[in-house]
Amino acid sequence: MYEAPPRVVEAVQRLKGVFLEVPSTRLSLVDASRLSGLERGTTRLILEALEDARFLRRASNGLFMRRNTEPPAAA
């Protein structure tokens, strides 16, 4: 099994922490890369993995945001 390098693990935790601390956060790839301290290609892979894990979603404008975890309101 693949084990990510410690700086990648720390970057994932840092990015997830931002979205957990402030659920309304919206980050571009450039902003997330700057925040994580990783190159854009690596950051893109992390954001896409978090999107695949249904933790994040990508808006039509390309910004990444926390996926709504609340159940839909009853009609």
Protein backbone atom coordinates (compact mmCIF):
# COMPACT_ATOMS: atom_id res chain seq x y z
CA MET A 1 0.00 0.00 0.00
CA TYR A 2 1.21 3.52 -0.88
CA GLU A 3 2.12 5.79 2.02
CA ALA A 4 2.18 9.50 1.24
CA PRO A 5 5.22 11.54 2.28
CA PRO A 6 4.76 13.43 5.59
CA ARG A 7 4.58 16.86 3.90
CA VAL A 8 1.71 15.64 1.68
CA VAL A 9 -0.11 14.20 4.70
CA GLU A 10 0.37 17.51 6.53
CA ALA A 11 -0.91 19.44 3.50
CA VAL A 12 -4.04 17.27 3.30
CA GLN A 13 -4.69 17.81 7.00
CA ARG A 14 -4.10 21.56 6.65
CA LEU A 15 -6.50 21.86 3.71
CA LYS A 16 -9.18 19.72 5.37
CA GLY A 17 -8.76 21.77 8.54
CA VAL A 18 -9.45 25.01 6.66
CA PHE A 19 -12.67 23.62 5.21
CA LEU A 20 -13.74 22.15 8.56
CA GLU A 21 -12.97 25.31 10.52
CA VAL A 22 -14.76 27.62 8.09
CA PRO A 23 -17.29 25.55 6.10
CA SER A 24 -18.04 28.46 3.75
CA THR A 25 -14.41 28.53 2.52
CA ARG A 26 -13.93 28.54 -1.24
CA LEU A 27 -10.44 28.02 -2.62
CA SER A 28 -8.99 28.13 -6.08
CA LEU A 29 -6.23 25.71 -7.03
CA VAL A 30 -3.72 28.57 -6.76
CA ASP A 31 -4.93 29.52 -3.26
CA ALA A 32 -4.96 25.91 -2.09
CA SER A 33 -1.47 25.37 -3.47
CA ARG A 34 -0.19 28.46 -1.66
CA LEU A 35 -1.88 27.35 1.57
CA SER A 36 -0.61 23.77 1.35
CA GLY A 37 2.92 24.73 0.36
CA LEU A 38 2.86 22.12 -2.41
CA GLU A 39 3.17 22.51 -6.16
CA ARG A 40 -0.05 22.96 -8.08
CA GLY A 41 -0.02 19.50 -9.65
CA THR A 42 0.20 17.79 -6.26
CA THR A 43 -2.40 20.14 -4.78
CA ARG A 44 -4.75 19.42 -7.70
CA LEU A 45 -4.44 15.68 -7.04
CA ILE A 46 -5.22 16.22 -3.34
CA LEU A 47 -8.25 18.40 -4.08
CA GLU A 48 -9.54 15.92 -6.63
CA ALA A 49 -9.07 13.06 -4.14
CA LEU A 50 -11.04 15.05 -1.54
CA GLU A 51 -13.68 15.64 -4.20
CA ASP A 52 -13.80 11.90 -5.01
CA ALA A 53 -14.11 11.19 -1.27
CA ARG A 54 -17.14 13.53 -1.29
CA PHE A 55 -15.52 15.88 1.23
CA LEU A 56 -15.28 18.71 -1.33
CA ARG A 57 -17.12 19.72 -4.44
CA ARG A 58 -16.00 21.93 -7.29
CA ALA A 59 -18.21 24.82 -8.33
CA SER A 60 -18.75 25.72 -11.98
CA ASN A 61 -16.24 28.56 -11.52
CA GLY A 62 -13.54 26.05 -10.50
CA LEU A 63 -13.47 26.89 -6.80
CA PHE A 64 -13.37 24.04 -4.30
CA MET A 65 -15.76 24.12 -1.36
CA ARG A 66 -16.95 21.83 1.38
CA ARG A 67 -19.70 19.48 0.29
CA ASN A 68 -22.91 20.10 2.22
CA THR A 69 -23.07 17.48 4.96
CA GLU A 70 -26.55 18.40 6.18
CA PRO A 71 -29.46 16.28 4.99
CA PRO A 72 -31.80 18.06 2.55
CA ALA A 73 -34.68 19.91 4.15
CA ALA A 74 -38.06 18.22 3.97
CA ALA A 75 -40.37 19.78 1.41
